[in-house]
Protein backbone atom coordinates (compact mmCIF):
# COMPACT_ATOMS: atom_id res chain seq x y z
CA UNK A 1 0.00 0.00 0.00
CA UNK A 2 1.27 3.48 -0.85
CA UNK A 3 1.79 5.92 2.06
CA UNK A 4 -1.00 8.25 0.91
CA UNK A 5 -3.51 5.40 0.78
CA UNK A 6 -2.37 4.12 4.18
CA UNK A 7 -2.88 7.56 5.75
CA UNK A 8 -6.36 7.71 4.21
CA UNK A 9 -7.22 4.15 5.28
CA UNK A 10 -6.30 4.87 8.92
CA UNK A 11 -8.21 8.20 8.89
CA UNK A 12 -4.92 9.89 9.70
CA UNK A 13 -1.97 9.18 11.94
CA UNK A 14 -1.35 10.64 15.38
CA UNK A 15 1.19 13.45 14.92
CA UNK A 16 1.64 15.56 18.06
CA UNK A 17 5.27 14.47 17.82
CA UNK A 18 6.15 15.55 14.25
CA UNK A 19 8.22 12.49 13.27
CA UNK A 20 5.93 9.83 14.76
CA UNK A 21 3.98 9.19 11.52
CA UNK A 22 7.20 7.98 9.88
CA UNK A 23 7.66 5.24 12.48
CA UNK A 24 3.94 4.46 12.36
CA UNK A 25 4.02 3.84 8.60
CA UNK A 26 7.35 1.98 8.77
CA UNK A 27 5.67 -0.39 11.24
CA UNK A 28 2.67 -0.96 8.98
CA UNK A 29 3.89 -1.05 5.38
CA UNK A 30 5.93 -3.73 3.69
CA UNK A 31 8.26 -1.16 2.14
CA UNK A 32 8.39 2.47 3.13
CA UNK A 33 10.72 5.32 2.23
CA UNK A 34 10.40 8.16 4.75
CA UNK A 35 11.21 10.64 1.99
CA UNK A 36 7.98 9.64 0.24
CA UNK A 37 5.88 10.87 3.18
CA UNK A 38 8.01 13.99 3.48
CA UNK A 39 7.33 14.71 -0.19
CA UNK A 40 3.58 14.33 0.33
CA UNK A 41 3.74 16.87 3.15
CA UNK A 42 5.80 19.33 1.10
CA UNK A 43 3.44 18.90 -1.88
CA UNK A 44 0.40 19.55 0.37
CA UNK A 45 -1.13 16.14 -0.32
CA UNK A 46 -1.10 15.48 3.43
CA UNK A 47 -1.29 18.03 6.26
CA UNK A 48 -0.83 18.18 10.02
CA UNK A 49 -3.99 19.49 11.69
CA UNK A 50 -6.09 18.97 14.80
CA UNK A 51 -9.05 16.67 14.15
CA UNK A 52 -10.05 13.59 16.19
CA UNK A 53 -10.01 14.21 19.97
CA UNK A 54 -8.76 17.71 19.19
CA UNK A 55 -5.25 16.36 18.70
CA UNK A 56 -2.87 16.86 15.79
CA UNK A 57 -3.08 14.17 13.12
CA UNK A 58 -1.37 13.78 9.77
CA UNK A 59 -4.24 13.34 7.31
CA UNK A 60 -4.79 13.58 3.58
CA UNK A 61 -5.68 16.97 2.14
CA UNK A 62 -9.05 15.64 1.02
CA UNK A 63 -9.83 14.34 4.53
CA UNK A 64 -8.68 17.60 6.08
CA UNK A 65 -11.40 19.52 4.26
CA UNK A 66 -14.22 17.19 5.34
CA UNK A 67 -13.04 15.93 8.75
CA UNK A 68 -12.32 19.29 10.35
CA UNK A 69 -15.92 20.56 10.06
CA UNK A 70 -17.43 17.36 11.48
CA UNK A 71 -15.05 17.40 14.48
CA UNK A 72 -15.65 21.11 15.27
CA UNK A 73 -17.87 20.31 18.31
CA UNK A 74 -14.82 18.73 19.98
CA UNK A 75 -12.87 21.97 19.61
CA UNK A 76 -15.81 24.03 20.80
CA UNK A 77 -15.90 21.94 23.96
CA UNK A 78 -12.17 22.35 24.50
CA UNK A 79 -12.50 26.11 24.04
CA UNK A 80 -14.82 26.45 27.00
CA UNK A 81 -13.17 23.82 29.22
CA UNK A 82 -9.66 25.32 29.30
CA UNK A 83 -9.16 26.13 32.98
CA UNK A 84 -6.73 29.01 32.49
CA UNK A 85 -7.87 30.64 29.27
CA UNK A 86 -11.64 30.10 29.11
CA UNK A 87 -12.45 32.53 31.95
CA UNK A 88 -10.73 35.30 29.99
CA UNK A 89 -13.20 34.81 27.14
CA UNK A 90 -16.46 35.01 29.10
CA UNK A 91 -18.61 37.76 27.64
CA UNK A 92 -16.24 38.42 24.73
CA UNK A 93 -17.72 38.61 21.23
CA UNK A 94 -15.44 36.11 19.50
CA UNK A 95 -16.63 36.71 15.94
CA UNK A 96 -14.40 39.78 15.29
CA UNK A 97 -11.54 38.04 17.10
CA UNK A 98 -11.76 34.93 14.93
CA UNK A 99 -12.11 37.03 11.78
CA UNK A 100 -8.98 38.99 12.72
CA UNK A 101 -7.20 35.69 13.31
CA UNK A 102 -8.38 34.37 9.97
CA UNK A 103 -6.98 37.39 8.14
CA UNK A 104 -3.70 37.24 10.06
CA UNK A 105 -3.29 33.53 9.35
CA UNK A 106 -3.79 33.77 5.62
CA UNK A 107 -0.02 33.40 5.71
CA UNK A 108 1.88 31.10 8.11
CA UNK A 109 2.65 32.60 11.52
CA UNK A 110 3.99 31.38 14.84
CA UNK A 111 1.87 31.45 17.97
CA UNK A 112 3.93 34.36 19.26
CA UNK A 113 3.27 36.35 16.10
CA UNK A 114 -0.46 35.65 16.27
CA UNK A 115 -0.66 36.76 19.90
CA UNK A 116 1.19 39.99 19.10
CA UNK A 117 -1.18 40.83 16.24
CA UNK A 118 -4.24 40.12 18.38
CA UNK A 119 -2.84 42.16 21.28
CA UNK A 120 -2.46 45.14 18.98
CA UNK A 121 -5.99 44.72 17.61
CA UNK A 122 -7.68 44.04 20.98
CA UNK A 123 -5.43 45.69 23.61
CA UNK A 124 -7.88 45.33 26.52
CA UNK A 125 -8.26 41.56 26.15
CA UNK A 126 -6.01 38.62 27.00
CA UNK A 127 -3.99 37.92 23.83
CA UNK A 128 -3.21 34.29 24.78
CA UNK A 129 -6.91 33.54 25.29
CA UNK A 130 -7.80 35.21 22.00
CA UNK A 131 -5.17 33.17 20.14
CA UNK A 132 -6.51 30.01 21.75
CA UNK A 133 -10.02 30.89 20.56
CA UNK A 134 -8.68 31.26 17.02
CA UNK A 135 -6.96 27.88 17.27
CA UNK A 136 -10.22 26.26 18.35
CA UNK A 137 -12.51 28.02 15.87
CA UNK A 138 -10.28 27.96 12.76
CA UNK A 139 -9.00 24.96 10.79
CA UNK A 140 -5.26 25.53 11.22
CA UNK A 141 -2.52 23.40 9.68
CA UNK A 142 1.11 23.29 10.79
CA UNK A 143 3.21 23.97 7.72
CA UNK A 144 6.57 22.50 6.64
CA UNK A 145 9.45 22.35 7.24
CA UNK A 146 7.99 21.18 10.57
CA UNK A 147 7.16 17.51 10.16
CA UNK A 148 9.53 16.84 7.27
CA UNK A 149 11.85 13.84 7.56
CA UNK A 150 15.00 14.63 9.56
CA UNK A 151 14.06 18.29 9.78
CA UNK A 152 12.72 20.42 12.60
CA UNK A 153 11.34 23.90 12.87
CA UNK A 154 9.20 26.07 15.11
CA UNK A 155 5.49 25.48 14.62
CA UNK A 156 3.89 27.91 12.17
CA UNK A 157 0.18 27.87 11.47
CA UNK A 158 -2.04 28.90 8.59
CA UNK A 159 -5.68 28.30 7.73
CA UNK A 160 -6.29 25.09 5.81
CA UNK A 161 -8.28 26.80 3.09
CA UNK A 162 -5.36 29.10 2.23
CA UNK A 163 -2.79 26.29 2.36
CA UNK A 164 -4.81 23.89 0.20
CA UNK A 165 -6.51 26.45 -2.04
CA UNK A 166 -9.88 24.82 -1.42
CA UNK A 167 -12.72 25.49 1.05
CA UNK A 168 -13.81 23.30 3.93
CA UNK A 169 -16.89 21.28 3.01
CA UNK A 170 -19.36 19.90 5.54
CA UNK A 171 -20.28 16.88 3.41
CA UNK A 172 -19.05 14.07 5.69
CA UNK A 173 -21.94 12.74 7.79
CA UNK A 174 -21.56 11.08 11.17
CA UNK A 175 -22.65 7.86 9.46
CA UNK A 176 -19.72 8.18 7.07
CA UNK A 177 -17.36 8.93 9.95
CA UNK A 178 -18.40 5.81 11.87
CA UNK A 179 -18.00 3.65 8.76
CA UNK A 180 -14.51 5.09 8.18
CA UNK A 181 -13.62 4.27 11.79
CA UNK A 182 -14.86 0.69 11.56
CA UNK A 183 -12.96 0.14 8.31
CA UNK A 184 -9.77 1.07 10.16
CA UNK A 185 -10.35 -0.20 13.71
CA UNK A 186 -13.34 -2.57 13.87
CA UNK A 187 -14.72 -4.71 15.40
CA UNK A 188 -15.50 -2.04 17.99
CA UNK A 189 -18.15 -0.87 20.41
CA UNK A 190 -20.01 2.43 20.39
CA UNK A 191 -17.85 3.66 23.27
CA UNK A 192 -14.76 2.75 21.25
CA UNK A 193 -15.91 5.01 18.41
CA UNK A 194 -16.66 7.80 20.88
CA UNK A 195 -13.21 7.45 22.44
CA UNK A 196 -11.59 7.71 19.01
CA UNK A 197 -13.28 10.93 17.90
CA UNK A 198 -14.68 12.31 21.19
CA UNK A 199 -17.96 13.20 19.51
CA UNK A 200 -21.16 12.38 21.38
CA UNK A 201 -24.52 10.93 20.37
CA UNK A 202 -23.02 8.08 18.34
CA UNK A 203 -25.29 5.36 19.75
CA UNK A 204 -28.11 6.66 17.54
CA UNK A 205 -25.76 6.71 14.55
CA UNK A 206 -24.66 3.10 15.06
CA UNK A 207 -28.25 1.95 15.52
CA UNK A 208 -29.15 3.61 12.24
CA UNK A 209 -26.25 1.78 10.58
CA UNK A 210 -27.00 -1.58 12.23
CA UNK A 211 -28.61 -3.17 9.11
CA UNK A 212 -25.37 -2.50 7.21
CA UNK A 213 -23.08 -3.96 9.89
CA UNK A 214 -22.21 -7.30 11.42
CA UNK A 215 -22.14 -7.75 15.19
CA UNK A 216 -20.09 -9.78 17.64
CA UNK A 217 -19.69 -10.12 21.39
CA UNK A 218 -16.38 -9.77 23.17
CA UNK A 219 -15.29 -11.88 26.14
CA UNK A 220 -17.23 -9.60 28.50
CA UNK A 221 -20.43 -9.72 26.47
CA UNK A 222 -20.11 -6.23 24.98
CA UNK A 223 -21.58 -5.78 21.50
CA UNK A 224 -19.03 -5.03 18.79
CA UNK A 225 -19.74 -3.77 15.28
CA UNK A 226 -17.83 -4.16 12.03
CA UNK A 227 -18.20 -3.90 8.26
CA UNK A 228 -19.35 -7.16 6.65
CA UNK A 229 -16.47 -7.21 4.14
CA UNK A 230 -13.74 -6.22 6.62
CA UNK A 231 -10.87 -8.69 7.12
CA UNK A 232 -10.93 -10.44 10.49
CA UNK A 233 -7.87 -12.66 10.91
CA UNK A 234 -8.40 -15.89 12.80
CA UNK A 235 -7.23 -16.54 16.34
CA UNK A 236 -4.13 -18.42 15.18
CA UNK A 237 -2.92 -15.72 12.77
CA UNK A 238 0.67 -14.77 13.72
CA UNK A 239 1.12 -11.24 15.06
CA UNK A 240 4.74 -10.21 14.44
CA UNK A 241 6.68 -7.95 16.81
CA UNK A 242 5.95 -4.29 16.08
CA UNK A 243 7.46 -1.07 17.41
CA UNK A 244 4.84 1.70 17.54
CA UNK A 245 5.51 5.39 18.21
CA UNK A 246 4.13 7.10 21.29
CA UNK A 247 0.42 7.93 21.07
CA UNK A 248 -0.09 5.49 18.18
CA UNK A 249 -3.64 5.33 16.83
CA UNK A 250 -3.96 1.63 17.63
CA UNK A 251 -3.63 2.29 21.35
CA UNK A 252 -5.80 5.43 21.47
CA UNK A 253 -8.70 4.43 19.23
CA UNK A 254 -10.58 2.16 21.63
CA UNK A 255 -12.19 2.66 25.02
CA UNK A 256 -11.30 -0.90 26.01
CA UNK A 257 -7.52 -1.02 25.88
CA UNK A 258 -7.35 -4.38 27.64
CA UNK A 259 -7.36 -5.94 24.15
CA UNK A 260 -3.84 -4.51 23.76
CA UNK A 261 -2.34 -4.53 27.25
CA UNK A 262 -3.18 -6.39 30.44
CA UNK A 263 -3.61 -4.56 33.74
CA UNK A 264 -0.61 -6.38 35.20
CA UNK A 265 1.66 -5.45 32.29
CA UNK A 266 0.43 -1.87 32.35
CA UNK A 267 1.26 -1.66 36.05
CA UNK A 268 4.79 -2.87 35.34
CA UNK A 269 5.42 -0.68 32.32
CA UNK A 270 3.55 2.44 33.36
CA UNK A 271 1.18 4.12 30.91
CA UNK A 272 1.97 2.74 27.46
CA UNK A 273 1.42 6.23 26.01
CA UNK A 274 4.01 7.86 28.31
CA UNK A 275 5.74 10.89 26.88
CA UNK A 276 8.84 9.87 24.95
CA UNK A 277 8.12 6.13 25.01
CA UNK A 278 6.62 4.07 22.21
CA UNK A 279 5.00 0.65 22.56
CA UNK A 280 6.42 -2.77 21.67
CA UNK A 281 3.83 -5.30 20.54
CA UNK A 282 4.66 -8.99 21.02
CA UNK A 283 2.00 -11.43 19.82
CA UNK A 284 -0.35 -8.48 19.36
CA UNK A 285 -0.06 -7.23 22.95
CA UNK A 286 1.96 -4.44 24.54
CA UNK A 287 4.76 -6.23 26.36
CA UNK A 288 7.32 -3.45 26.35
CA UNK A 289 8.04 0.21 25.74
CA UNK A 290 10.91 1.78 23.82
CA UNK A 291 12.68 5.02 23.13
CA UNK A 292 15.71 6.16 21.18
CA UNK A 293 18.80 6.61 23.30
CA UNK A 294 22.30 7.95 22.65
CA UNK A 295 23.61 4.46 21.80
CA UNK A 296 20.59 3.01 19.97
CA UNK A 297 17.25 1.82 21.38
CA UNK A 298 16.27 1.17 24.99
CA UNK A 299 13.49 -1.40 25.46
CA UNK A 300 11.78 -1.93 28.82
CA UNK A 301 9.89 -5.23 28.84
CA UNK A 302 7.87 -7.54 31.06
CA UNK A 303 9.12 -11.11 31.57
CA UNK A 304 9.34 -12.93 28.21
CA UNK A 305 10.89 -16.12 26.90
CA UNK A 306 14.33 -15.89 25.27
CA UNK A 307 12.87 -16.44 21.82
CA UNK A 308 10.48 -13.53 22.28
CA UNK A 309 13.30 -11.27 23.44
CA UNK A 310 15.38 -12.28 20.44
CA UNK A 311 12.61 -11.30 18.01
CA UNK A 312 12.15 -7.97 19.82
CA UNK A 313 15.89 -7.27 19.61
CA UNK A 314 15.94 -8.14 15.90
CA UNK A 315 13.02 -5.84 15.11
CA UNK A 316 14.56 -3.16 17.29
CA UNK A 317 17.75 -3.25 15.22
CA UNK A 318 15.66 -2.91 12.08
CA UNK A 319 13.97 0.17 13.55
CA UNK A 320 17.30 1.62 14.67
CA UNK A 321 18.58 1.26 11.11
CA UNK A 322 15.48 3.05 9.80
CA UNK A 323 15.92 5.88 12.32
CA UNK A 324 19.64 6.03 11.49
CA UNK A 325 20.70 5.21 15.05
CA UNK A 326 23.38 2.92 16.40
CA UNK A 327 22.17 -0.67 16.08
CA UNK A 328 22.51 -1.51 19.77
CA UNK A 329 19.22 -2.55 21.41
CA UNK A 330 19.40 -2.53 25.21
CA UNK A 331 16.78 -4.81 26.76
CA UNK A 332 15.82 -3.81 30.31
CA UNK A 333 13.45 -6.17 32.18
CA UNK A 334 10.93 -4.69 34.61
CA UNK A 335 9.63 -6.67 37.54
CA UNK A 336 7.05 -6.20 40.29
């Protein structure tokens, strides 16, 4: 599968950490050149923008234009829940503020630049709160070189419509959104879908779609939904070792994360989405965490057989080669 199609299939890749999508695609595709994703970003075929859960994802340009409008209620909720900034916006007419932000962000600007422009335009109001309101109300993309392979830069933002030369279109229904989710992450429950996008009222949507779906029950008797034609590998299908970046979609797209990590292993490893640590899947379950160190990779793992540790070390060396690190993989067991 080509990188662009993979990004579309997964309804985007988690991208708070700019380089994480490269590791995410390397883990999923048979062959992957990081430069190919970098080129898509530079050519504006993919963008980095806040969508599901209000977090930054790398998504296709086409999805950007339809997903951002349907996820706007999530951003509206975040706007009024921010403990520090929301009180500064009570009673403020935000329409002229957002319009001023829109005009300012027709060209890429840093957060500092946006706050300075808003402070000059609205001197009696809190510039940080006004900038936050613009971030929540406008569809803002982070522009390259931030996010390019082996490059780094301060975050600069511009409105998606200006960057892509096309308007946002509210044509994606909640039904379509749920079907896109199930194609990527099913079988799943209604609460799983809600956890993935953080939109509410999805029970009614799933019930409306029920005639088009197949249903299952998990080990706890919860009802799961999926597309009839979706692949569902059998119980004995091998699940090779995989190194996932921190905040990977697989681990954040379900309410019930016990399917990926047991309570005992989570207690040993700490949160598997800890800052700076990715997840190591062994036989389809999180059995370790990893991060890049000065001499290669460091892997913290729960007790495993020697053969399992050998496969983790081998895959770790493959990842280190991809990330252009030293090939040393330091395995560090954790115990109760």
